[in-house]
Amino acid sequence: MTATYGKNWNPADHYKDDTIARGYDRKRFRGLSGRLFNALEKRLIRRAFAGLAPDSVIGDVPCGTGRLAEVLLDSGFSVVGIDISPHMLAAARDRLSRFGERFRDATSDAKALADTGHRFDAALCARVLMHFPLPEQIAFLRGVAAVTDGRLVFTQGVDTAWHRVRRWLKRALPLQRPAVFPLSPADLRQLIEAAGLREITRYRVLPILSESLVIVTEKMPPAGAAGGD
């Protein structure tokens, strides 16, 4: 087990493997609970991006296999899939080939997006932050926010006494591993503020039974910006 990430693999390197990338969706979402979570999360992603202009360009960071990019493309948006793993992006291209040029992809570290020339009308960061300690979560989200003009939606787990019991049970049983770095309410506020964002609303994927949140944010106005006439 690595001291930094609470598991025996480094999440920044783990998915740079074609076998792991190609088997990701099957491993995570094949069972009954996985299928339920997948359907509920997709429904909330549609809600989180509702109301955006149909020609909006959304950055999906990390894109992974394109599971949620597909939801955004089906909603009429264009998507730029960013991932540190070229193997995950290859799986995404196979899944999303029917959308043609409305889906583009690039291999990049989220923390270095400001140097790539990418610019998004909105962005999604799903199923990634919980792999990293809070300082790295802040760096990741700040990197995406730097190239996003409007709405930024991310997912994270909430750390409460009840969910700590749930995670203990999941570790004791042969179930999907729980989030390693869920956040307390105070840490979640720190994450959002340190990334230069403010919360608009949040949704619970499966109240009581899941700690997962879908959080909708927007960029804070520049310091000293005029507030009106």
Protein backbone atom coordinates (compact mmCIF):
# COMPACT_ATOMS: atom_id res chain seq x y z
CA MET A 1 0.00 0.00 0.00
CA THR A 2 1.39 3.41 -0.91
CA ALA A 3 1.62 5.85 1.97
CA THR A 4 0.32 8.76 -0.09
CA TYR A 5 -2.74 7.30 -1.79
CA GLY A 6 -4.05 4.67 0.63
CA LYS A 7 -3.90 1.83 -1.89
CA ASN A 8 -1.32 -0.38 -3.51
CA TRP A 9 -1.34 1.57 -6.77
CA ASN A 10 -0.80 5.16 -7.81
CA PRO A 11 -3.98 6.59 -9.35
CA ALA A 12 -1.93 8.85 -11.64
CA ASP A 13 -0.34 5.78 -13.27
CA HIS A 14 -2.82 2.95 -12.71
CA TYR A 15 -4.99 3.59 -15.77
CA LYS A 16 -2.06 3.89 -18.19
CA ASP A 17 -2.61 0.24 -19.00
CA ASP A 18 -4.72 -0.97 -21.92
CA THR A 19 -6.11 -4.02 -20.10
CA ILE A 20 -7.25 -1.93 -17.13
CA ALA A 21 -8.72 0.74 -19.41
CA ARG A 22 -10.67 -1.72 -21.55
CA GLY A 23 -12.04 -3.52 -18.51
CA TYR A 24 -12.88 -0.42 -16.47
CA ASP A 25 -16.61 -0.13 -17.21
CA ARG A 26 -17.19 -3.86 -16.91
CA LYS A 27 -15.48 -3.99 -13.53
CA ARG A 28 -17.16 -0.88 -12.08
CA PHE A 29 -20.68 -1.09 -13.46
CA ARG A 30 -21.50 -4.71 -14.27
CA GLY A 31 -23.23 -5.65 -10.98
CA LEU A 32 -26.67 -4.55 -9.86
CA SER A 33 -25.38 -1.77 -7.58
CA GLY A 34 -23.00 -0.59 -10.30
CA ARG A 35 -25.76 -0.44 -12.91
CA LEU A 36 -28.02 1.47 -10.51
CA PHE A 37 -25.27 3.95 -9.63
CA ASN A 38 -24.41 4.41 -13.32
CA ALA A 39 -28.01 5.22 -14.26
CA LEU A 40 -28.53 7.63 -11.34
CA GLU A 41 -25.23 9.43 -11.87
CA LYS A 42 -25.96 9.91 -15.59
CA ARG A 43 -29.38 11.34 -14.77
CA LEU A 44 -27.82 13.89 -12.40
CA ILE A 45 -25.11 14.84 -14.91
CA ARG A 46 -27.84 15.68 -17.42
CA ARG A 47 -29.55 17.82 -14.78
CA ALA A 48 -26.29 19.53 -13.77
CA PHE A 49 -25.65 20.71 -17.34
CA ALA A 50 -29.26 21.53 -18.22
CA GLY A 51 -29.83 25.01 -19.60
CA LEU A 52 -26.45 25.46 -21.28
CA ALA A 53 -26.43 26.63 -24.87
CA PRO A 54 -26.58 23.63 -27.25
CA ASP A 55 -23.33 24.68 -28.95
CA SER A 56 -21.40 24.69 -25.65
CA VAL A 57 -18.01 22.99 -25.57
CA ILE A 58 -17.58 20.95 -22.41
CA GLY A 59 -14.29 19.65 -21.10
CA ASP A 60 -14.55 16.18 -19.58
CA VAL A 61 -11.53 15.94 -17.27
CA PRO A 62 -10.71 13.10 -16.87
CA CYS A 63 -12.68 11.60 -19.71
CA GLY A 64 -11.87 7.99 -18.92
CA THR A 65 -13.72 5.62 -21.25
CA GLY A 66 -16.22 8.29 -22.30
CA ARG A 67 -19.06 7.00 -20.13
CA LEU A 68 -20.22 10.48 -19.07
CA ALA A 69 -19.00 12.26 -22.19
CA GLU A 70 -21.59 10.14 -23.99
CA VAL A 71 -24.32 11.67 -21.80
CA LEU A 72 -23.14 15.18 -22.69
CA LEU A 73 -22.91 14.39 -26.41
CA ASP A 74 -26.39 12.85 -26.36
CA SER A 75 -27.57 16.14 -24.80
CA GLY A 76 -26.31 18.04 -27.87
CA PHE A 77 -23.03 19.47 -26.56
CA SER A 78 -19.55 19.13 -28.00
CA VAL A 79 -17.01 17.48 -25.72
CA VAL A 80 -13.24 17.64 -25.39
CA GLY A 81 -12.08 14.59 -23.48
CA ILE A 82 -8.90 15.13 -21.47
CA ASP A 83 -7.14 12.27 -19.70
CA ILE A 84 -3.66 11.46 -18.50
CA SER A 85 -4.06 7.93 -19.93
CA PRO A 86 -3.97 7.48 -23.72
CA HIS A 87 -5.43 4.01 -23.21
CA MET A 88 -8.56 5.37 -21.54
CA LEU A 89 -8.93 7.87 -24.37
CA ALA A 90 -8.60 5.10 -26.96
CA ALA A 91 -11.54 3.34 -25.29
CA ALA A 92 -13.46 6.63 -25.32
CA ARG A 93 -12.83 7.15 -29.04
CA ASP A 94 -14.19 3.68 -29.78
CA ARG A 95 -17.32 4.35 -27.72
CA LEU A 96 -17.96 7.82 -29.12
CA SER A 97 -16.97 7.44 -32.77
CA ARG A 98 -20.58 7.93 -33.91
CA PHE A 99 -20.47 11.57 -32.74
CA GLY A 100 -17.78 12.48 -35.24
CA GLU A 101 -16.04 15.81 -34.73
CA ARG A 102 -18.27 16.73 -31.80
CA PHE A 103 -15.91 14.62 -29.69
CA ARG A 104 -12.22 15.45 -29.55
CA ASP A 105 -9.61 14.23 -27.11
CA ALA A 106 -6.16 15.09 -25.82
CA THR A 107 -3.73 13.48 -23.41
CA SER A 108 -2.86 15.93 -20.65
CA ASP A 109 -2.44 16.38 -16.92
CA ALA A 110 -5.36 18.41 -15.57
CA LYS A 111 -3.00 20.55 -13.51
CA ALA A 112 -1.22 21.72 -16.68
CA LEU A 113 -4.25 22.56 -18.82
CA ALA A 114 -3.50 26.29 -18.79
CA ASP A 115 -0.43 25.57 -20.92
CA THR A 116 -2.30 23.58 -23.59
CA GLY A 117 -4.44 26.27 -25.21
CA HIS A 118 -7.71 24.49 -24.37
CA ARG A 119 -10.73 26.58 -23.39
CA PHE A 120 -14.13 25.25 -22.27
CA ASP A 121 -17.56 26.80 -21.85
CA ALA A 122 -18.16 24.34 -19.00
CA ALA A 123 -16.39 21.33 -17.51
CA LEU A 124 -16.96 18.02 -15.76
CA CYS A 125 -14.58 16.34 -13.29
CA ALA A 126 -16.10 13.01 -12.30
CA ARG A 127 -14.84 10.07 -10.23
CA VAL A 128 -11.32 11.42 -9.83
CA LEU A 129 -10.89 13.74 -6.84
CA MET A 130 -11.57 11.04 -4.24
CA HIS A 131 -8.35 9.28 -5.28
CA PHE A 132 -6.16 12.12 -3.99
CA PRO A 133 -5.48 14.02 -0.74
CA LEU A 134 -7.04 17.47 -0.45
CA PRO A 135 -4.00 19.51 -1.66
CA GLU A 136 -3.90 17.48 -4.87
CA GLN A 137 -7.67 17.77 -5.28
CA ILE A 138 -7.30 21.55 -5.07
CA ALA A 139 -4.51 21.57 -7.69
CA PHE A 140 -6.56 19.37 -10.01
CA LEU A 141 -9.77 21.39 -9.75
CA ARG A 142 -7.90 24.69 -9.97
CA GLY A 143 -6.23 23.49 -13.18
CA VAL A 144 -9.58 22.73 -14.78
CA ALA A 145 -11.18 25.95 -13.51
CA ALA A 146 -8.37 27.97 -15.08
CA VAL A 147 -9.54 26.97 -18.59
CA THR A 148 -13.29 26.94 -17.93
CA ASP A 149 -15.41 30.04 -18.51
CA GLY A 150 -18.67 28.91 -16.94
CA ARG A 151 -20.14 26.01 -15.02
CA LEU A 152 -17.85 23.40 -13.48
CA VAL A 153 -19.43 20.19 -12.22
CA PHE A 154 -17.52 17.69 -10.11
CA THR A 155 -18.22 14.60 -8.05
CA GLN A 156 -16.89 13.80 -4.60
CA GLY A 157 -17.77 11.76 -1.53
CA VAL A 158 -18.92 13.25 1.75
CA ASP A 159 -17.23 12.19 5.00
CA THR A 160 -19.75 11.68 7.80
CA ALA A 161 -19.92 9.27 10.74
CA TRP A 162 -22.55 7.18 8.93
CA HIS A 163 -20.50 6.94 5.76
CA ARG A 164 -17.37 6.06 7.73
CA VAL A 165 -19.28 3.02 9.02
CA ARG A 166 -20.34 2.19 5.46
CA ARG A 167 -16.76 2.40 4.22
CA TRP A 168 -15.59 0.13 7.04
CA LEU A 169 -18.18 -2.46 6.05
CA LYS A 170 -17.25 -2.22 2.37
CA ARG A 171 -13.60 -2.81 3.21
CA ALA A 172 -14.53 -5.83 5.31
CA LEU A 173 -16.69 -7.37 2.57
CA PRO A 174 -15.87 -8.29 -1.05
CA LEU A 175 -17.47 -5.12 -2.41
CA GLN A 176 -16.32 -2.26 -4.62
CA ARG A 177 -13.61 -0.32 -2.76
CA PRO A 178 -14.90 2.91 -1.18
CA ALA A 179 -13.54 6.38 -1.85
CA VAL A 180 -10.16 6.83 -0.19
CA PHE A 181 -10.28 10.61 0.27
CA PRO A 182 -13.89 11.77 0.82
CA LEU A 183 -14.14 15.25 2.28
CA SER A 184 -15.70 16.71 5.38
CA PRO A 185 -18.08 19.64 4.79
CA ALA A 186 -15.31 22.06 5.83
CA ASP A 187 -12.78 20.45 3.48
CA LEU A 188 -15.30 20.55 0.65
CA ARG A 189 -15.79 24.29 1.17
CA GLN A 190 -12.02 24.73 1.19
CA LEU A 191 -11.70 22.79 -2.08
CA ILE A 192 -14.30 24.90 -3.83
CA GLU A 193 -12.95 28.23 -2.58
CA ALA A 194 -9.30 27.37 -3.23
CA ALA A 195 -10.16 26.48 -6.82
CA GLY A 196 -11.71 29.93 -7.29
CA LEU A 197 -15.26 28.59 -7.47
CA ARG A 198 -18.56 29.02 -5.68
CA GLU A 199 -21.24 26.39 -5.26
CA ILE A 200 -24.54 26.73 -7.09
CA THR A 201 -26.23 23.50 -6.02
CA ARG A 202 -25.52 19.87 -5.24
CA TYR A 203 -27.23 16.54 -5.79
CA ARG A 204 -26.90 13.25 -3.93
CA VAL A 205 -26.57 10.30 -6.26
CA LEU A 206 -28.26 7.88 -3.84
CA PRO A 207 -29.13 9.44 -0.47
CA ILE A 208 -28.28 7.37 2.64
CA LEU A 209 -26.86 4.48 0.60
CA SER A 210 -24.12 6.41 -1.20
CA GLU A 211 -21.75 9.18 -0.10
CA SER A 212 -21.39 10.43 -3.69
CA LEU A 213 -22.30 14.03 -4.50
CA VAL A 214 -22.62 15.85 -7.81
CA ILE A 215 -21.65 19.46 -7.11
CA VAL A 216 -22.39 22.29 -9.52
CA THR A 217 -20.14 25.34 -9.25
CA GLU A 218 -19.24 28.47 -11.18
CA LYS A 219 -16.20 30.69 -11.22
CA MET A 220 -15.93 33.43 -8.67
CA PRO A 221 -15.85 36.94 -10.15
CA PRO A 222 -12.40 38.58 -10.11
CA ALA A 223 -11.58 40.42 -6.91
CA GLY A 224 -12.72 44.02 -7.13
CA ALA A 225 -15.09 43.39 -10.03
CA ALA A 226 -17.87 45.95 -10.27
CA GLY A 227 -21.14 44.79 -8.77
CA GLY A 228 -23.45 46.90 -10.93
CA ASP A 229 -24.63 50.47 -11.45
